[in-house]
Amino acid sequence: MAYYDSMSRRPMSRQDHLKKDAKEWKRDEGADYGRGKKAASAKEEGYKPRKSVPRGGAYGAKAAKDDRFDPTNSRRSDRKFSDRPSRPEGRPAPKPQRDFPRPQPQRPPKPVFEDERPGEPENLLSGRNPIREAIRSGRDIEKLLVAKGDLSATAREIVMMAKEAHIPVQVVERSRLDDITRNHQGMLAFASAYRYYDVEDMLRDAEEKGEKPFLIILDGVTDPQNLGAIIRTAACVGAHGVIVPQRRAVGLTPSAVKASAGAIEKIKVARVTNLARTIDQLKAQGIWLFAADMKGEDFRKVDFSGAVALVIGSEGDGISRLTLEKCDHTVSLPMTGAVDSLNASVAAGILMYAVQGTR
């Protein structure tokens, strides 16, 4: 087969014809493929290709003038490493931020020893020998806790001594003693934070001062904060003493002594085993008893002159039925608001100042 040039119509070899044909195809149809296609599409969208930067950056011989920095042609900064701002001395490099907290290793809990146990009462007596010696010496003890179960001969002896001294004895679970302290040997005792006096000591003080007795009797007050507040108010109005029952009532615990804010040093506190019997003895000595009760007479209309003993009931139940029956008068505080009762220490304070106003 013979091949001819399309322009000159000269005969051509087959090899020259193929080369010419390939060159024409690349010029006419090859622009739609590969790099030719990309360049054509970019040209249609109006893209202007970026001029290439000579090797050596902006400081190349063909791209720099006067050896100055040209930001339009430079891809690098002309600042040297020494010109960059350095980090202030002593400031560590910032750490990368974490999206989650770092896991902490699980450590076993630190053992708590007996001397490091928090919340242990200061007036705690643990162990049989310290409790026995405290009872023998006549120290005032609030109560004795004994673990359930068979008692040894020594433990039974201590319980008998406590009952003879009129100390309240409570039988509790051993776990309750373990929560307080470990070295309890089956029993714990709580000593009073301050000494108690007798009712006769209060009456003697009134006689020595030439005053008529003014006493405060608390029937079942269990909150040490209320007891401390009542003791402080009684010392302020010049009362001769505060009487508390031995059972089902709070005594001179460290919290109560602290709540009195030092007033315990100025007034006597007595603890009696039988409150009804004590009331009978006071009435026999000419002391009038006034009980605070909601059904009583308005305290503003009552004459408190003479020897007076105010009886204040517990926070929840008030004065017990037997004690209320033995009192001579019942007085009340008028309530006109949404609340129909007062705090025991507040009610006691109002009545104590009412008594002081008539003395």
Protein backbone atom coordinates (compact mmCIF):
# COMPACT_ATOMS: atom_id res chain seq x y z
CA MET A 1 0.00 0.00 0.00
CA ALA A 2 1.39 3.43 -0.92
CA TYR A 3 1.25 6.45 1.41
CA TYR A 4 1.25 10.10 0.21
CA ASP A 5 1.64 13.41 1.97
CA SER A 6 -1.67 15.29 2.13
CA MET A 7 -0.04 18.64 1.25
CA SER A 8 2.64 17.83 -1.28
CA ARG A 9 1.21 14.53 -2.44
CA ARG A 10 4.66 13.01 -2.24
CA PRO A 11 5.01 9.28 -1.62
CA MET A 12 5.86 8.37 2.03
CA SER A 13 7.03 5.30 3.77
CA ARG A 14 4.75 3.48 6.11
CA GLN A 15 6.86 4.48 9.18
CA ASP A 16 6.76 8.19 8.32
CA HIS A 17 3.04 8.00 7.74
CA LEU A 18 2.43 6.47 11.17
CA LYS A 19 4.52 9.14 12.89
CA LYS A 20 2.63 11.92 11.10
CA ASP A 21 -0.71 10.35 11.88
CA ALA A 22 0.13 10.01 15.60
CA LYS A 23 1.26 13.63 15.76
CA GLU A 24 -1.97 14.89 14.21
CA TRP A 25 -4.14 12.75 16.54
CA LYS A 26 -2.32 14.06 19.59
CA ARG A 27 -2.89 17.65 18.45
CA ASP A 28 -6.58 17.24 17.56
CA GLU A 29 -8.04 14.61 19.90
CA GLY A 30 -5.47 14.01 22.65
CA ALA A 31 -6.35 17.29 24.47
CA ASP A 32 -9.43 15.58 25.90
CA TYR A 33 -7.37 13.03 27.82
CA GLY A 34 -4.83 13.12 30.72
CA ARG A 35 -3.12 16.39 31.38
CA GLY A 36 -4.53 17.89 28.22
CA LYS A 37 -8.07 17.41 29.57
CA LYS A 38 -7.27 19.08 32.87
CA ALA A 39 -5.58 22.00 31.20
CA ALA A 40 -8.49 22.47 28.81
CA SER A 41 -11.12 22.39 31.59
CA ALA A 42 -9.11 24.80 33.72
CA LYS A 43 -8.70 27.15 30.78
CA GLU A 44 -12.45 27.16 30.15
CA GLU A 45 -13.09 28.12 33.86
CA GLY A 46 -10.75 31.11 33.63
CA TYR A 47 -7.94 29.65 35.78
CA LYS A 48 -4.63 31.45 35.45
CA PRO A 49 -1.68 29.16 36.23
CA ARG A 50 0.78 30.38 38.84
CA LYS A 51 4.20 31.37 37.70
CA SER A 52 6.88 29.01 38.85
CA VAL A 53 9.46 30.35 41.26
CA PRO A 54 13.09 29.86 40.29
CA ARG A 55 15.17 27.55 42.39
CA GLY A 56 16.53 29.37 45.39
CA GLY A 57 13.24 31.09 46.38
CA ALA A 58 12.80 34.82 46.30
CA TYR A 59 16.56 35.33 46.33
CA GLY A 60 17.10 33.74 42.96
CA ALA A 61 19.02 35.86 40.48
CA LYS A 62 15.98 36.25 38.20
CA ALA A 63 13.30 36.82 40.87
CA ALA A 64 14.89 39.21 43.42
CA LYS A 65 15.75 42.88 43.12
CA ASP A 66 18.03 44.74 45.49
CA ASP A 67 18.09 41.58 47.62
CA ARG A 68 14.81 42.61 49.34
CA PHE A 69 11.91 40.44 50.42
CA ASP A 70 9.02 40.20 47.92
CA PRO A 71 5.97 38.52 49.55
CA THR A 72 4.25 37.87 46.19
CA ASN A 73 6.92 35.52 44.93
CA SER A 74 8.32 34.12 48.16
CA ARG A 75 7.32 30.86 49.76
CA ARG A 76 9.71 31.21 52.66
CA SER A 77 10.39 33.84 55.31
CA ASP A 78 13.52 35.94 55.13
CA ARG A 79 13.83 35.91 58.95
CA LYS A 80 16.61 33.90 60.39
CA PHE A 81 16.13 31.54 63.32
CA SER A 82 17.75 34.03 65.71
CA ASP A 83 15.19 36.72 64.72
CA ARG A 84 12.15 34.66 65.79
CA PRO A 85 10.56 35.56 69.17
CA SER A 86 11.81 33.17 71.81
CA ARG A 87 9.74 31.66 74.64
CA PRO A 88 10.12 33.47 78.02
CA GLU A 89 12.56 31.83 80.36
CA GLY A 90 11.05 29.51 82.94
CA ARG A 91 7.81 28.95 81.03
CA PRO A 92 7.41 25.36 79.87
CA ALA A 93 6.27 24.50 76.40
CA PRO A 94 2.49 24.13 76.13
CA LYS A 95 1.27 20.57 76.34
CA PRO A 96 -1.11 19.23 73.74
CA GLN A 97 -4.73 19.32 74.80
CA ARG A 98 -6.42 16.01 75.53
CA ASP A 99 -10.01 15.32 74.65
CA PHE A 100 -10.31 12.85 77.52
CA PRO A 101 -8.86 12.78 81.06
CA ARG A 102 -5.74 10.83 81.71
CA PRO A 103 -6.62 7.52 83.39
CA GLN A 104 -5.49 7.41 87.01
CA PRO A 105 -4.01 4.24 88.44
CA GLN A 106 -6.16 2.42 90.93
CA ARG A 107 -4.49 2.49 94.33
CA PRO A 108 -5.58 0.51 97.36
CA PRO A 109 -7.24 2.59 100.11
CA LYS A 110 -4.97 3.81 102.85
CA PRO A 111 -5.53 1.91 106.11
CA VAL A 112 -7.01 4.00 108.91
CA PHE A 113 -5.43 3.34 112.27
CA GLU A 114 -7.04 3.80 115.65
CA ASP A 115 -5.34 7.12 116.36
CA GLU A 116 -6.40 8.51 112.96
CA ARG A 117 -10.13 7.65 113.10
CA PRO A 118 -12.13 10.86 112.46
CA GLY A 119 -15.11 11.86 114.57
CA GLU A 120 -14.18 9.86 117.65
CA PRO A 121 -15.70 11.48 120.78
CA GLU A 122 -13.28 13.12 123.17
CA ASN A 123 -15.11 11.77 126.22
CA LEU A 124 -14.89 8.12 125.11
CA LEU A 125 -13.72 5.47 127.57
CA SER A 126 -12.78 2.18 125.87
CA GLY A 127 -11.58 -0.95 127.61
CA ARG A 128 -12.75 -2.64 130.77
CA ASN A 129 -10.06 -1.40 133.15
CA PRO A 130 -10.50 2.34 132.32
CA ILE A 131 -14.29 2.02 132.65
CA ARG A 132 -14.02 0.18 135.98
CA GLU A 133 -11.66 2.77 137.45
CA ALA A 134 -13.85 5.66 136.22
CA ILE A 135 -16.91 4.20 137.97
CA ARG A 136 -14.98 3.55 141.17
CA SER A 137 -13.65 7.11 141.27
CA GLY A 138 -17.18 8.54 140.98
CA ARG A 139 -16.64 10.17 137.60
CA ASP A 140 -19.82 11.32 135.89
CA ILE A 141 -20.62 8.94 133.03
CA GLU A 142 -23.41 9.58 130.55
CA LYS A 143 -24.04 5.97 129.50
CA LEU A 144 -22.44 2.55 129.15
CA LEU A 145 -22.70 0.56 125.90
CA VAL A 146 -22.39 -3.24 126.15
CA ALA A 147 -22.19 -5.63 123.19
CA LYS A 148 -24.82 -8.34 122.86
CA GLY A 149 -23.86 -11.87 123.87
CA ASP A 150 -22.59 -13.73 126.90
CA LEU A 151 -20.60 -11.52 129.26
CA SER A 152 -17.52 -12.63 131.09
CA ALA A 153 -17.15 -12.32 134.85
CA THR A 154 -15.27 -9.02 134.52
CA ALA A 155 -17.88 -7.54 132.18
CA ARG A 156 -20.76 -8.58 134.47
CA GLU A 157 -18.99 -6.94 137.40
CA ILE A 158 -18.65 -3.64 135.52
CA VAL A 159 -22.33 -3.73 134.50
CA MET A 160 -23.37 -4.27 138.14
CA MET A 161 -21.19 -1.36 139.27
CA ALA A 162 -22.75 0.89 136.61
CA LYS A 163 -26.30 0.00 137.68
CA GLU A 164 -25.48 0.66 141.33
CA ALA A 165 -24.11 4.09 140.33
CA HIS A 166 -27.35 4.80 138.36
CA ILE A 167 -25.49 4.88 135.04
CA PRO A 168 -27.69 4.04 132.01
CA VAL A 169 -26.64 0.72 130.44
CA GLN A 170 -27.54 0.00 126.79
CA VAL A 171 -27.10 -3.38 125.08
CA VAL A 172 -26.20 -2.85 121.42
CA GLU A 173 -24.81 -4.82 118.49
CA ARG A 174 -21.05 -5.33 118.40
CA SER A 175 -20.91 -3.68 114.99
CA ARG A 176 -22.02 -0.40 116.55
CA LEU A 177 -19.05 -0.52 118.91
CA ASP A 178 -16.77 -1.35 115.97
CA ASP A 179 -17.97 1.79 114.18
CA ILE A 180 -16.84 3.92 117.12
CA THR A 181 -13.56 2.21 117.94
CA ARG A 182 -11.98 -1.21 117.55
CA ASN A 183 -10.30 -1.76 120.90
CA HIS A 184 -13.51 -1.74 122.93
CA GLN A 185 -13.38 -5.23 124.55
CA GLY A 186 -17.15 -5.47 124.31
CA MET A 187 -18.07 -2.21 126.11
CA LEU A 188 -17.72 1.55 125.80
CA ALA A 189 -18.51 4.40 128.17
CA PHE A 190 -19.11 8.08 127.52
CA ALA A 191 -17.94 10.33 130.32
CA SER A 192 -19.45 13.74 130.97
CA ALA A 193 -17.55 16.72 129.63
CA TYR A 194 -18.28 18.63 132.87
CA ARG A 195 -19.16 17.75 136.44
CA TYR A 196 -22.73 17.63 137.74
CA TYR A 197 -24.02 19.20 140.94
CA ASP A 198 -26.86 18.34 143.27
CA VAL A 199 -30.16 20.18 143.47
CA GLU A 200 -29.33 21.01 147.10
CA ASP A 201 -26.26 22.94 145.88
CA MET A 202 -28.51 25.16 143.76
CA LEU A 203 -30.90 25.87 146.61
CA ARG A 204 -27.96 26.65 148.89
CA ASP A 205 -26.60 29.21 146.39
CA ALA A 206 -29.99 30.97 146.29
CA GLU A 207 -30.11 31.09 150.07
CA GLU A 208 -26.58 32.50 150.31
CA LYS A 209 -27.44 35.25 147.82
CA GLY A 210 -30.65 36.08 149.63
CA GLU A 211 -32.73 35.33 146.55
CA LYS A 212 -35.72 33.11 145.93
CA PRO A 213 -34.84 29.98 143.93
CA PHE A 214 -35.10 30.19 140.17
CA LEU A 215 -34.58 26.83 138.45
CA ILE A 216 -34.93 25.44 134.93
CA ILE A 217 -36.13 21.83 134.52
CA LEU A 218 -35.73 20.12 131.14
CA ASP A 219 -37.95 17.11 130.47
CA GLY A 220 -36.50 15.03 127.63
CA VAL A 221 -34.44 17.59 125.69
CA THR A 222 -32.23 15.48 123.43
CA ASP A 223 -30.45 18.08 121.29
CA PRO A 224 -27.07 19.13 122.75
CA GLN A 225 -27.28 22.47 120.93
CA ASN A 226 -30.57 23.28 122.67
CA LEU A 227 -29.15 22.25 126.03
CA GLY A 228 -26.11 24.46 125.55
CA ALA A 229 -28.27 27.43 124.50
CA ILE A 230 -30.59 27.00 127.50
CA ILE A 231 -27.62 26.83 129.88
CA ARG A 232 -26.24 30.06 128.44
CA THR A 233 -29.59 31.89 128.67
CA ALA A 234 -30.09 30.63 132.25
CA ALA A 235 -26.72 32.08 133.20
CA CYS A 236 -27.66 35.42 131.60
CA VAL A 237 -30.96 35.83 133.51
CA GLY A 238 -29.42 34.86 136.86
CA ALA A 239 -31.01 31.40 137.30
CA HIS A 240 -29.55 29.23 140.05
CA GLY A 241 -29.39 25.98 138.12
CA VAL A 242 -30.58 23.67 135.33
CA ILE A 243 -31.96 20.20 136.07
CA VAL A 244 -31.91 17.38 133.48
CA PRO A 245 -33.12 13.77 133.79
CA GLN A 246 -30.66 10.92 133.60
CA ARG A 247 -32.53 8.88 130.99
CA ARG A 248 -33.92 9.74 127.56
CA ALA A 249 -32.25 13.16 127.59
CA VAL A 250 -28.95 14.69 126.60
CA GLY A 251 -26.35 15.41 129.24
CA LEU A 252 -23.19 17.47 129.43
CA THR A 253 -21.62 16.12 126.28
CA PRO A 254 -18.74 17.95 124.58
CA SER A 255 -21.20 19.39 122.04
CA ALA A 256 -23.49 20.75 124.74
CA VAL A 257 -20.60 22.26 126.70
CA LYS A 258 -19.26 23.86 123.52
CA ALA A 259 -22.70 25.26 122.64
CA SER A 260 -22.90 26.95 126.06
CA ALA A 261 -19.89 29.08 125.03
CA GLY A 262 -18.35 29.06 128.51
CA ALA A 263 -21.59 29.62 130.44
CA ILE A 264 -21.24 26.18 132.02
CA GLU A 265 -18.62 27.74 134.29
CA LYS A 266 -21.17 30.22 135.69
CA ILE A 267 -24.15 28.01 136.46
CA LYS A 268 -24.73 24.60 138.02
CA VAL A 269 -26.28 21.64 136.18
CA ALA A 270 -27.81 18.73 138.09
CA ARG A 271 -28.78 15.31 136.75
CA VAL A 272 -31.51 13.38 138.57
CA THR A 273 -32.65 9.78 138.18
CA ASN A 274 -36.35 10.44 138.87
CA LEU A 275 -37.71 13.76 137.63
CA ALA A 276 -41.18 13.32 139.18
CA ARG A 277 -39.69 12.72 142.62
CA THR A 278 -37.48 15.79 142.26
CA ILE A 279 -40.54 17.90 141.42
CA ASP A 280 -42.29 16.69 144.56
CA GLN A 281 -39.26 17.67 146.64
CA LEU A 282 -39.16 21.16 145.12
CA LYS A 283 -42.87 21.68 145.73
CA ALA A 284 -42.36 20.65 149.35
CA GLN A 285 -39.86 23.53 149.69
CA GLY A 286 -42.33 26.12 148.43
CA ILE A 287 -41.22 26.33 144.79
CA TRP A 288 -43.96 26.88 142.20
CA LEU A 289 -43.65 24.92 138.96
CA PHE A 290 -44.72 26.42 135.62
CA ALA A 291 -44.91 24.07 132.63
CA ALA A 292 -44.65 25.37 129.07
CA ASP A 293 -47.59 23.90 127.15
CA MET A 294 -49.62 25.01 124.12
CA LYS A 295 -52.89 24.70 126.05
CA GLY A 296 -51.73 26.85 128.95
CA GLU A 297 -52.44 30.44 129.90
CA ASP A 298 -50.81 33.36 128.12
CA PHE A 299 -47.45 33.88 129.86
CA ARG A 300 -47.94 37.67 129.76
CA LYS A 301 -50.85 37.36 132.19
CA VAL A 302 -49.07 35.08 134.68
CA ASP A 303 -47.42 36.28 137.89
CA PHE A 304 -43.94 34.67 138.17
CA SER A 305 -42.99 36.32 141.44
CA GLY A 306 -41.67 34.08 144.19
CA ALA A 307 -39.72 30.84 143.99
CA VAL A 308 -40.12 29.58 140.42
CA ALA A 309 -39.12 26.50 138.46
CA LEU A 310 -39.77 26.50 134.69
CA VAL A 311 -40.39 23.13 133.04
CA ILE A 312 -39.49 22.85 129.33
CA GLY A 313 -40.44 19.76 127.31
CA SER A 314 -38.66 17.91 124.53
CA GLU A 315 -38.39 19.13 120.95
CA GLY A 316 -40.99 16.73 119.56
CA ASP A 317 -43.26 15.39 122.33
CA GLY A 318 -43.18 18.22 124.83
CA ILE A 319 -43.61 17.56 128.54
CA SER A 320 -44.51 14.04 129.60
CA ARG A 321 -47.96 13.40 131.03
CA LEU A 322 -46.80 12.60 134.59
CA THR A 323 -44.59 15.68 134.79
CA LEU A 324 -47.34 17.90 133.42
CA GLU A 325 -49.79 16.65 136.04
CA LYS A 326 -47.38 17.50 138.86
CA CYS A 327 -46.85 21.10 137.73
CA ASP A 328 -48.83 23.92 139.40
CA HIS A 329 -49.49 26.06 136.31
CA THR A 330 -49.22 25.74 132.53
CA VAL A 331 -48.22 28.73 130.42
CA SER A 332 -48.13 29.17 126.67
CA LEU A 333 -46.63 31.47 124.08
CA PRO A 334 -49.24 32.97 121.74
CA MET A 335 -48.79 32.01 118.07
CA THR A 336 -50.31 34.13 115.31
CA GLY A 337 -48.12 33.13 112.35
CA ALA A 338 -48.03 30.15 110.00
CA VAL A 339 -45.84 28.14 112.43
CA ASP A 340 -47.46 26.86 115.61
CA SER A 341 -44.38 25.98 117.69
CA LEU A 342 -41.04 27.36 118.77
CA ASN A 343 -37.65 25.82 119.29
CA ALA A 344 -37.17 24.51 122.83
CA SER A 345 -34.27 26.85 123.56
CA VAL A 346 -36.14 29.86 122.13
CA ALA A 347 -39.28 29.15 124.16
CA ALA A 348 -37.19 28.66 127.29
CA GLY A 349 -35.39 31.96 126.70
CA ILE A 350 -38.66 33.92 126.34
CA LEU A 351 -40.10 32.46 129.55
CA MET A 352 -36.88 32.96 131.49
CA TYR A 353 -36.84 36.66 130.68
CA ALA A 354 -40.52 36.87 131.61
CA VAL A 355 -39.63 35.47 135.03
CA GLN A 356 -36.71 37.86 135.37
CA GLY A 357 -39.01 40.82 134.67
CA THR A 358 -41.15 40.03 137.72
CA ARG A 359 -38.39 39.26 140.20
